[in-house]
Amino acid sequence: MWKRILSVAHRAGFTRNETAVLLFLGMALLVGVSLGTLRGGSERPPVNVRTALERQDSLFADHALSPIASSIREMETPSGVNTDLKTDEEKQPRSAAPLSTASIDINAADARVLDRLPGIGPAMAKRIVEYRDRSGPFGRAEDLLKVKGIGPKKFEQLRQFIIVK
């Protein structure tokens, strides 16, 4: 039997070791399927991936926004921040869509406040401020794409948290 399997595998272009590995994996798969069929009654309910991802996104948004809310309260001059929106503590029960708690005016915020945005670190915040100082105020939120290091993907991540006044 082994010689016949080897000759078929050799004609297909497999070496002796490759044939042995394929046979082992095939047998492991067969045993796994057989055990799964025998257990039959332990089926898991189907997972709704969309709901799970939305839940994770809203948890991330809440976590990402909490430093923004605390930085708003810490600021001496809130000229760069629109604070008329509710903070996390004042929110009603959460819906499926992510909620934003504060919007940051990218024309007036300093590097410390910009650093609180998701995906923006101290170096990127400094680059945004330098670009704004060099080129003048942003005319619209999409102008943020002109800053080196901010592409369409990162901009979409930031869009819900920024405003331009």
N, C-alpha and C. Protein backbone atom coordinates (compact mmCIF):
# COMPACT_ATOMS: atom_id res chain seq x y z
N MET A 1 0.83 -1.19 0.00
CA MET A 1 0.00 0.00 0.00
C MET A 1 0.88 1.25 0.00
N TRP A 2 1.93 1.27 0.87
CA TRP A 2 2.81 2.43 0.98
C TRP A 2 3.53 2.68 -0.35
N LYS A 3 3.97 1.59 -1.03
CA LYS A 3 4.67 1.73 -2.30
C LYS A 3 3.75 2.34 -3.36
N ARG A 4 2.50 1.95 -3.35
CA ARG A 4 1.53 2.48 -4.32
C ARG A 4 1.30 3.98 -4.08
N ILE A 5 1.16 4.36 -2.80
CA ILE A 5 0.96 5.77 -2.46
C ILE A 5 2.19 6.58 -2.88
N LEU A 6 3.40 6.03 -2.62
CA LEU A 6 4.63 6.72 -2.99
C LEU A 6 4.74 6.90 -4.50
N SER A 7 4.36 5.89 -5.27
CA SER A 7 4.47 6.00 -6.73
C SER A 7 3.50 7.05 -7.27
N VAL A 8 2.28 7.09 -6.73
CA VAL A 8 1.31 8.11 -7.15
C VAL A 8 1.83 9.50 -6.76
N ALA A 9 2.34 9.64 -5.54
CA ALA A 9 2.86 10.92 -5.08
C ALA A 9 4.08 11.34 -5.90
N HIS A 10 4.93 10.39 -6.26
CA HIS A 10 6.12 10.70 -7.05
C HIS A 10 5.72 11.23 -8.43
N ARG A 11 4.69 10.60 -9.04
CA ARG A 11 4.21 11.07 -10.34
C ARG A 11 3.61 12.47 -10.23
N ALA A 12 3.07 12.82 -9.05
CA ALA A 12 2.50 14.14 -8.83
C ALA A 12 3.59 15.17 -8.51
N GLY A 13 4.83 14.71 -8.28
CA GLY A 13 5.93 15.63 -8.05
C GLY A 13 6.31 15.79 -6.59
N PHE A 14 5.80 14.95 -5.70
CA PHE A 14 6.13 15.04 -4.28
C PHE A 14 7.29 14.12 -3.94
N THR A 15 8.13 14.54 -2.98
CA THR A 15 9.21 13.70 -2.48
C THR A 15 8.62 12.74 -1.44
N ARG A 16 9.47 11.85 -0.97
CA ARG A 16 9.03 10.86 0.03
C ARG A 16 8.61 11.56 1.33
N ASN A 17 9.41 12.55 1.78
CA ASN A 17 9.08 13.27 3.01
C ASN A 17 7.80 14.10 2.86
N GLU A 18 7.63 14.74 1.71
CA GLU A 18 6.41 15.52 1.47
C GLU A 18 5.18 14.62 1.49
N THR A 19 5.31 13.45 0.93
CA THR A 19 4.21 12.50 0.93
C THR A 19 3.85 12.09 2.35
N ALA A 20 4.86 11.83 3.18
CA ALA A 20 4.61 11.43 4.57
C ALA A 20 3.90 12.56 5.32
N VAL A 21 4.31 13.80 5.12
CA VAL A 21 3.68 14.93 5.80
C VAL A 21 2.24 15.08 5.34
N LEU A 22 2.00 14.97 4.04
CA LEU A 22 0.62 15.08 3.52
C LEU A 22 -0.28 13.97 4.07
N LEU A 23 0.25 12.77 4.16
CA LEU A 23 -0.53 11.67 4.72
C LEU A 23 -0.85 11.93 6.20
N PHE A 24 0.14 12.43 6.95
CA PHE A 24 -0.09 12.74 8.36
C PHE A 24 -1.17 13.80 8.51
N LEU A 25 -1.07 14.89 7.73
CA LEU A 25 -2.08 15.96 7.82
C LEU A 25 -3.46 15.46 7.40
N GLY A 26 -3.50 14.62 6.38
CA GLY A 26 -4.78 14.06 5.95
C GLY A 26 -5.41 13.19 7.03
N MET A 27 -4.60 12.39 7.68
CA MET A 27 -5.11 11.53 8.76
C MET A 27 -5.57 12.39 9.95
N ALA A 28 -4.81 13.44 10.29
CA ALA A 28 -5.20 14.31 11.39
C ALA A 28 -6.53 14.99 11.08
N LEU A 29 -6.70 15.42 9.84
CA LEU A 29 -7.95 16.04 9.43
C LEU A 29 -9.10 15.04 9.52
N LEU A 30 -8.88 13.84 9.07
CA LEU A 30 -9.90 12.80 9.12
C LEU A 30 -10.30 12.49 10.57
N VAL A 31 -9.33 12.37 11.47
CA VAL A 31 -9.61 12.11 12.88
C VAL A 31 -10.39 13.28 13.48
N GLY A 32 -9.98 14.52 13.17
CA GLY A 32 -10.67 15.70 13.70
C GLY A 32 -12.11 15.78 13.24
N VAL A 33 -12.35 15.52 11.97
CA VAL A 33 -13.72 15.54 11.44
C VAL A 33 -14.55 14.43 12.08
N SER A 34 -13.94 13.26 12.25
CA SER A 34 -14.67 12.14 12.87
C SER A 34 -15.06 12.47 14.30
N LEU A 35 -14.13 13.03 15.07
CA LEU A 35 -14.43 13.39 16.46
C LEU A 35 -15.50 14.47 16.52
N GLY A 36 -15.42 15.45 15.62
CA GLY A 36 -16.42 16.50 15.58
C GLY A 36 -17.80 15.95 15.26
N THR A 37 -17.86 14.98 14.39
CA THR A 37 -19.14 14.37 14.02
C THR A 37 -19.69 13.55 15.18
N LEU A 38 -18.82 12.83 15.89
CA LEU A 38 -19.27 12.00 17.01
C LEU A 38 -19.82 12.86 18.15
N ARG A 39 -19.21 14.03 18.39
CA ARG A 39 -19.66 14.91 19.48
C ARG A 39 -20.97 15.59 19.14
N GLY A 40 -21.22 15.82 17.90
CA GLY A 40 -22.45 16.39 17.35
C GLY A 40 -23.27 17.33 18.21
N GLY A 41 -23.59 17.02 19.47
CA GLY A 41 -24.47 17.84 20.28
C GLY A 41 -23.83 19.09 20.84
N SER A 42 -22.54 19.29 20.67
CA SER A 42 -21.87 20.44 21.27
C SER A 42 -21.65 21.57 20.27
N GLU A 43 -22.62 21.77 19.40
CA GLU A 43 -22.47 22.85 18.43
C GLU A 43 -22.59 24.20 19.11
N ARG A 44 -21.76 25.12 18.69
CA ARG A 44 -21.81 26.47 19.23
C ARG A 44 -22.79 27.30 18.40
N PRO A 45 -23.43 28.26 19.04
CA PRO A 45 -24.31 29.13 18.25
C PRO A 45 -23.46 29.98 17.30
N PRO A 46 -24.01 30.34 16.14
CA PRO A 46 -23.23 31.14 15.20
C PRO A 46 -22.88 32.50 15.80
N VAL A 47 -21.69 32.98 15.49
CA VAL A 47 -21.22 34.27 16.00
C VAL A 47 -21.55 35.35 14.98
N ASN A 48 -22.19 36.40 15.46
CA ASN A 48 -22.47 37.53 14.59
C ASN A 48 -21.24 38.43 14.61
N VAL A 49 -20.41 38.32 13.59
CA VAL A 49 -19.14 39.02 13.55
C VAL A 49 -19.35 40.54 13.53
N ARG A 50 -20.35 40.98 12.80
CA ARG A 50 -20.61 42.42 12.69
C ARG A 50 -20.90 43.03 14.06
N THR A 51 -21.76 42.38 14.84
CA THR A 51 -22.09 42.89 16.17
C THR A 51 -20.86 42.89 17.07
N ALA A 52 -20.07 41.83 16.99
CA ALA A 52 -18.87 41.75 17.81
C ALA A 52 -17.89 42.87 17.46
N LEU A 53 -17.71 43.14 16.17
CA LEU A 53 -16.80 44.20 15.76
C LEU A 53 -17.33 45.58 16.15
N GLU A 54 -18.64 45.80 16.01
CA GLU A 54 -19.21 47.09 16.41
C GLU A 54 -19.03 47.31 17.90
N ARG A 55 -19.18 46.26 18.71
CA ARG A 55 -19.00 46.38 20.14
C ARG A 55 -17.55 46.76 20.46
N GLN A 56 -16.60 46.10 19.78
CA GLN A 56 -15.20 46.42 20.00
C GLN A 56 -14.87 47.84 19.56
N ASP A 57 -15.45 48.27 18.42
CA ASP A 57 -15.21 49.64 17.94
C ASP A 57 -15.73 50.66 18.93
N SER A 58 -16.92 50.43 19.48
CA SER A 58 -17.48 51.41 20.41
C SER A 58 -16.67 51.42 21.71
N LEU A 59 -16.14 50.27 22.14
CA LEU A 59 -15.29 50.24 23.32
C LEU A 59 -14.01 51.02 23.06
N PHE A 60 -13.45 50.86 21.84
CA PHE A 60 -12.25 51.61 21.50
C PHE A 60 -12.53 53.11 21.48
N ALA A 61 -13.66 53.50 20.88
CA ALA A 61 -14.00 54.92 20.80
C ALA A 61 -14.16 55.50 22.20
N ASP A 62 -14.82 54.77 23.09
CA ASP A 62 -14.98 55.26 24.47
C ASP A 62 -13.62 55.41 25.14
N HIS A 63 -12.75 54.42 24.94
CA HIS A 63 -11.42 54.46 25.56
C HIS A 63 -10.59 55.59 24.96
N ALA A 64 -10.68 55.77 23.64
CA ALA A 64 -9.89 56.79 22.98
C ALA A 64 -10.36 58.19 23.35
N LEU A 65 -11.63 58.34 23.65
CA LEU A 65 -12.17 59.66 23.94
C LEU A 65 -11.99 60.08 25.39
N SER A 66 -11.80 59.14 26.29
CA SER A 66 -11.68 59.53 27.69
C SER A 66 -10.48 60.45 27.94
N PRO A 67 -9.31 60.25 27.30
CA PRO A 67 -8.23 61.22 27.49
C PRO A 67 -8.59 62.59 26.91
N ILE A 68 -9.36 62.62 25.83
CA ILE A 68 -9.77 63.89 25.24
C ILE A 68 -10.63 64.66 26.23
N ALA A 69 -11.60 63.96 26.83
CA ALA A 69 -12.48 64.63 27.78
C ALA A 69 -11.69 65.16 28.98
N SER A 70 -10.70 64.38 29.45
CA SER A 70 -9.93 64.86 30.60
C SER A 70 -9.02 66.01 30.21
N SER A 71 -8.49 65.99 28.98
CA SER A 71 -7.64 67.10 28.56
C SER A 71 -8.46 68.37 28.38
N ILE A 72 -9.72 68.24 28.01
CA ILE A 72 -10.58 69.41 27.88
C ILE A 72 -10.75 70.07 29.23
N ARG A 73 -10.97 69.28 30.25
CA ARG A 73 -11.15 69.84 31.59
C ARG A 73 -9.86 70.46 32.12
N GLU A 74 -8.70 69.92 31.70
CA GLU A 74 -7.42 70.40 32.20
C GLU A 74 -6.97 71.69 31.53
N MET A 75 -7.44 71.94 30.33
CA MET A 75 -6.94 73.08 29.57
C MET A 75 -7.29 74.40 30.25
N GLU A 76 -6.34 75.31 30.24
CA GLU A 76 -6.58 76.64 30.81
C GLU A 76 -7.40 77.49 29.85
N THR A 77 -7.06 77.43 28.56
CA THR A 77 -7.80 78.20 27.56
C THR A 77 -8.42 77.22 26.58
N PRO A 78 -9.71 77.00 26.62
CA PRO A 78 -10.34 76.01 25.75
C PRO A 78 -10.60 76.53 24.35
N SER A 79 -9.73 77.38 23.80
CA SER A 79 -9.97 77.97 22.49
C SER A 79 -9.94 76.93 21.38
N GLY A 80 -9.22 75.84 21.55
CA GLY A 80 -9.10 74.86 20.49
C GLY A 80 -10.09 73.73 20.58
N VAL A 81 -11.00 73.76 21.53
CA VAL A 81 -11.85 72.62 21.75
C VAL A 81 -13.30 73.05 21.87
N ASN A 82 -14.17 72.30 21.24
CA ASN A 82 -15.60 72.53 21.35
C ASN A 82 -16.11 71.65 22.49
N THR A 83 -16.41 72.24 23.64
CA THR A 83 -16.77 71.46 24.82
C THR A 83 -18.27 71.44 25.09
N ASP A 84 -19.06 71.87 24.14
CA ASP A 84 -20.49 71.88 24.39
C ASP A 84 -21.14 70.52 24.24
N LEU A 85 -20.37 69.50 23.85
CA LEU A 85 -20.89 68.15 23.74
C LEU A 85 -20.74 67.42 25.08
N LYS A 86 -21.50 66.37 25.27
CA LYS A 86 -21.49 65.64 26.54
C LYS A 86 -20.22 64.84 26.72
N THR A 87 -19.82 64.65 27.99
CA THR A 87 -18.69 63.80 28.31
C THR A 87 -19.18 62.38 28.51
N ASP A 88 -18.24 61.45 28.72
CA ASP A 88 -18.62 60.04 28.88
C ASP A 88 -19.60 59.84 30.02
N GLU A 89 -19.41 60.55 31.13
CA GLU A 89 -20.27 60.35 32.29
C GLU A 89 -21.70 60.83 32.04
N GLU A 90 -21.87 61.78 31.14
CA GLU A 90 -23.19 62.35 30.90
C GLU A 90 -23.96 61.62 29.81
N LYS A 91 -23.35 60.66 29.17
CA LYS A 91 -23.99 59.97 28.05
C LYS A 91 -25.19 59.15 28.49
N GLN A 92 -26.12 59.01 27.56
CA GLN A 92 -27.25 58.10 27.74
C GLN A 92 -26.75 56.71 27.38
N PRO A 93 -27.55 55.65 27.59
CA PRO A 93 -27.10 54.30 27.19
C PRO A 93 -26.65 54.29 25.74
N ARG A 94 -25.60 53.53 25.48
CA ARG A 94 -24.94 53.52 24.20
C ARG A 94 -25.77 52.84 23.12
N SER A 95 -25.77 53.41 21.92
CA SER A 95 -26.38 52.77 20.76
C SER A 95 -25.30 51.96 20.05
N ALA A 96 -25.65 51.33 18.93
CA ALA A 96 -24.69 50.50 18.22
C ALA A 96 -23.61 51.34 17.54
N ALA A 97 -23.92 52.58 17.16
CA ALA A 97 -22.95 53.42 16.48
C ALA A 97 -22.01 54.07 17.49
N PRO A 98 -20.72 54.23 17.13
CA PRO A 98 -19.80 54.90 18.03
C PRO A 98 -20.21 56.35 18.24
N LEU A 99 -20.08 56.83 19.46
CA LEU A 99 -20.45 58.20 19.78
C LEU A 99 -19.20 59.02 20.01
N SER A 100 -19.20 60.26 19.55
CA SER A 100 -18.08 61.13 19.87
C SER A 100 -18.49 62.05 20.99
N THR A 101 -17.58 62.31 21.91
CA THR A 101 -17.91 63.14 23.06
C THR A 101 -17.36 64.54 22.94
N ALA A 102 -16.36 64.75 22.11
CA ALA A 102 -15.79 66.08 21.96
C ALA A 102 -15.17 66.19 20.59
N SER A 103 -15.20 67.38 20.04
CA SER A 103 -14.56 67.64 18.76
C SER A 103 -13.43 68.62 19.00
N ILE A 104 -12.32 68.37 18.34
CA ILE A 104 -11.16 69.23 18.50
C ILE A 104 -11.00 70.07 17.24
N ASP A 105 -10.91 71.37 17.42
CA ASP A 105 -10.66 72.29 16.32
C ASP A 105 -9.18 72.22 15.99
N ILE A 106 -8.86 71.65 14.84
CA ILE A 106 -7.46 71.44 14.48
C ILE A 106 -6.73 72.75 14.16
N ASN A 107 -7.47 73.85 13.99
CA ASN A 107 -6.83 75.14 13.75
C ASN A 107 -6.39 75.82 15.04
N ALA A 108 -6.97 75.45 16.16
CA ALA A 108 -6.66 76.15 17.41
C ALA A 108 -6.01 75.25 18.45
N ALA A 109 -6.08 73.95 18.30
CA ALA A 109 -5.55 73.03 19.32
C ALA A 109 -4.03 73.00 19.27
N ASP A 110 -3.43 72.87 20.44
CA ASP A 110 -1.98 72.75 20.50
C ASP A 110 -1.59 71.27 20.38
N ALA A 111 -0.29 71.01 20.33
CA ALA A 111 0.21 69.65 20.13
C ALA A 111 -0.23 68.71 21.25
N ARG A 112 -0.33 69.23 22.48
CA ARG A 112 -0.74 68.38 23.61
C ARG A 112 -2.16 67.86 23.43
N VAL A 113 -3.06 68.69 22.91
CA VAL A 113 -4.44 68.26 22.69
C VAL A 113 -4.52 67.34 21.48
N LEU A 114 -3.80 67.67 20.42
CA LEU A 114 -3.81 66.82 19.21
C LEU A 114 -3.25 65.43 19.51
N ASP A 115 -2.33 65.36 20.44
CA ASP A 115 -1.73 64.08 20.84
C ASP A 115 -2.77 63.12 21.42
N ARG A 116 -3.87 63.64 21.91
CA ARG A 116 -4.92 62.81 22.50
C ARG A 116 -5.81 62.13 21.47
N LEU A 117 -5.71 62.53 20.21
CA LEU A 117 -6.52 61.91 19.15
C LEU A 117 -6.03 60.49 18.89
N PRO A 118 -6.94 59.58 18.54
CA PRO A 118 -6.52 58.20 18.26
C PRO A 118 -5.62 58.14 17.04
N GLY A 119 -4.49 57.47 17.18
CA GLY A 119 -3.55 57.31 16.08
C GLY A 119 -2.57 58.46 15.93
N ILE A 120 -2.68 59.48 16.77
CA ILE A 120 -1.78 60.63 16.71
C ILE A 120 -0.90 60.61 17.95
N GLY A 121 0.39 60.54 17.73
CA GLY A 121 1.33 60.59 18.83
C GLY A 121 1.96 61.97 18.92
N PRO A 122 2.93 62.14 19.82
CA PRO A 122 3.55 63.45 19.99
C PRO A 122 4.23 63.96 18.71
N ALA A 123 4.90 63.08 17.98
CA ALA A 123 5.60 63.51 16.76
C ALA A 123 4.60 63.97 15.70
N MET A 124 3.52 63.22 15.52
CA MET A 124 2.52 63.59 14.51
C MET A 124 1.81 64.88 14.93
N ALA A 125 1.52 65.04 16.20
CA ALA A 125 0.87 66.26 16.69
C ALA A 125 1.77 67.46 16.40
N LYS A 126 3.05 67.29 16.63
CA LYS A 126 4.01 68.38 16.36
C LYS A 126 4.04 68.71 14.88
N ARG A 127 3.98 67.67 14.02
CA ARG A 127 3.97 67.88 12.57
C ARG A 127 2.74 68.65 12.12
N ILE A 128 1.58 68.33 12.74
CA ILE A 128 0.33 69.03 12.39
C ILE A 128 0.45 70.51 12.75
N VAL A 129 0.96 70.79 13.96
CA VAL A 129 1.10 72.18 14.40
C VAL A 129 2.10 72.92 13.51
N GLU A 130 3.23 72.27 13.17
CA GLU A 130 4.23 72.90 12.30
C GLU A 130 3.65 73.19 10.92
N TYR A 131 2.89 72.23 10.38
CA TYR A 131 2.27 72.45 9.07
C TYR A 131 1.30 73.62 9.13
N ARG A 132 0.50 73.69 10.18
CA ARG A 132 -0.47 74.77 10.34
C ARG A 132 0.24 76.12 10.47
N ASP A 133 1.33 76.16 11.23
CA ASP A 133 2.08 77.40 11.40
C ASP A 133 2.73 77.84 10.07
N ARG A 134 3.21 76.87 9.30
CA ARG A 134 3.89 77.17 8.05
C ARG A 134 2.92 77.53 6.92
N SER A 135 1.79 76.80 6.83
CA SER A 135 0.87 76.96 5.70
C SER A 135 -0.38 77.75 6.02
N GLY A 136 -0.59 78.11 7.25
CA GLY A 136 -1.80 78.82 7.62
C GLY A 136 -2.87 77.85 8.10
N PRO A 137 -4.00 78.38 8.55
CA PRO A 137 -5.05 77.51 9.10
C PRO A 137 -5.63 76.57 8.05
N PHE A 138 -6.11 75.44 8.53
CA PHE A 138 -6.75 74.47 7.66
C PHE A 138 -8.09 75.04 7.20
N GLY A 139 -8.39 74.94 5.91
CA GLY A 139 -9.66 75.44 5.38
C GLY A 139 -10.78 74.44 5.60
N ARG A 140 -10.44 73.18 5.57
CA ARG A 140 -11.42 72.10 5.78
C ARG A 140 -10.67 70.92 6.38
N ALA A 141 -11.42 69.99 6.93
CA ALA A 141 -10.80 68.85 7.62
C ALA A 141 -9.93 68.03 6.69
N GLU A 142 -10.30 67.91 5.42
CA GLU A 142 -9.55 67.10 4.46
C GLU A 142 -8.14 67.64 4.22
N ASP A 143 -7.90 68.92 4.54
CA ASP A 143 -6.56 69.49 4.38
C ASP A 143 -5.55 68.81 5.29
N LEU A 144 -6.02 68.12 6.29
CA LEU A 144 -5.14 67.37 7.18
C LEU A 144 -4.36 66.29 6.41
N LEU A 145 -4.91 65.86 5.27
CA LEU A 145 -4.23 64.86 4.44
C LEU A 145 -2.92 65.39 3.87
N LYS A 146 -2.72 66.69 3.86
CA LYS A 146 -1.49 67.29 3.33
C LYS A 146 -0.32 67.16 4.31
N VAL A 147 -0.63 66.84 5.56
CA VAL A 147 0.42 66.67 6.57
C VAL A 147 1.11 65.33 6.32
N LYS A 148 2.43 65.34 6.29
CA LYS A 148 3.18 64.11 6.06
C LYS A 148 2.88 63.09 7.15
N GLY A 149 2.52 61.88 6.74
CA GLY A 149 2.22 60.82 7.70
C GLY A 149 0.74 60.60 7.92
N ILE A 150 -0.11 61.47 7.38
CA ILE A 150 -1.56 61.27 7.49
C ILE A 150 -2.09 60.93 6.11
N GLY A 151 -2.50 59.70 5.98
CA GLY A 151 -3.08 59.24 4.73
C GLY A 151 -4.59 59.07 4.88
N PRO A 152 -5.23 58.57 3.84
CA PRO A 152 -6.69 58.41 3.87
C PRO A 152 -7.17 57.52 5.02
N LYS A 153 -6.43 56.48 5.31
CA LYS A 153 -6.85 55.55 6.37
C LYS A 153 -6.82 56.23 7.74
N LYS A 154 -5.73 56.91 8.05
CA LYS A 154 -5.62 57.59 9.34
C LYS A 154 -6.62 58.74 9.42
N PHE A 155 -6.84 59.44 8.28
CA PHE A 155 -7.79 60.54 8.27
C PHE A 155 -9.20 60.05 8.59
N GLU A 156 -9.59 58.91 8.03
CA GLU A 156 -10.92 58.35 8.32
C GLU A 156 -11.05 58.00 9.81
N GLN A 157 -9.95 57.59 10.41
CA GLN A 157 -9.93 57.28 11.84
C GLN A 157 -10.14 58.55 12.67
N LEU A 158 -9.65 59.68 12.18
CA LEU A 158 -9.72 60.94 12.92
C LEU A 158 -10.97 61.76 12.63
N ARG A 159 -11.57 61.56 11.48
CA ARG A 159 -12.63 62.44 10.99
C ARG A 159 -13.70 62.74 12.02
N GLN A 160 -14.15 61.75 12.76
CA GLN A 160 -15.24 61.97 13.72
C GLN A 160 -14.83 62.79 14.94
N PHE A 161 -13.54 62.99 15.13
CA PHE A 161 -13.05 63.69 16.32
C PHE A 161 -12.60 65.11 16.05
N ILE A 162 -12.55 65.52 14.78
CA ILE A 162 -12.00 66.85 14.47
C ILE A 162 -13.02 67.75 13.81
N ILE A 163 -12.83 69.06 14.00
CA ILE A 163 -13.62 70.07 13.31
C ILE A 163 -12.67 71.17 12.86
N VAL A 164 -13.13 72.00 11.93
CA VAL A 164 -12.36 73.14 11.47
C VAL A 164 -13.23 74.38 11.61
N LYS A 165 -12.75 75.35 12.37
CA LYS A 165 -13.49 76.61 12.55
C LYS A 165 -12.76 77.73 11.88
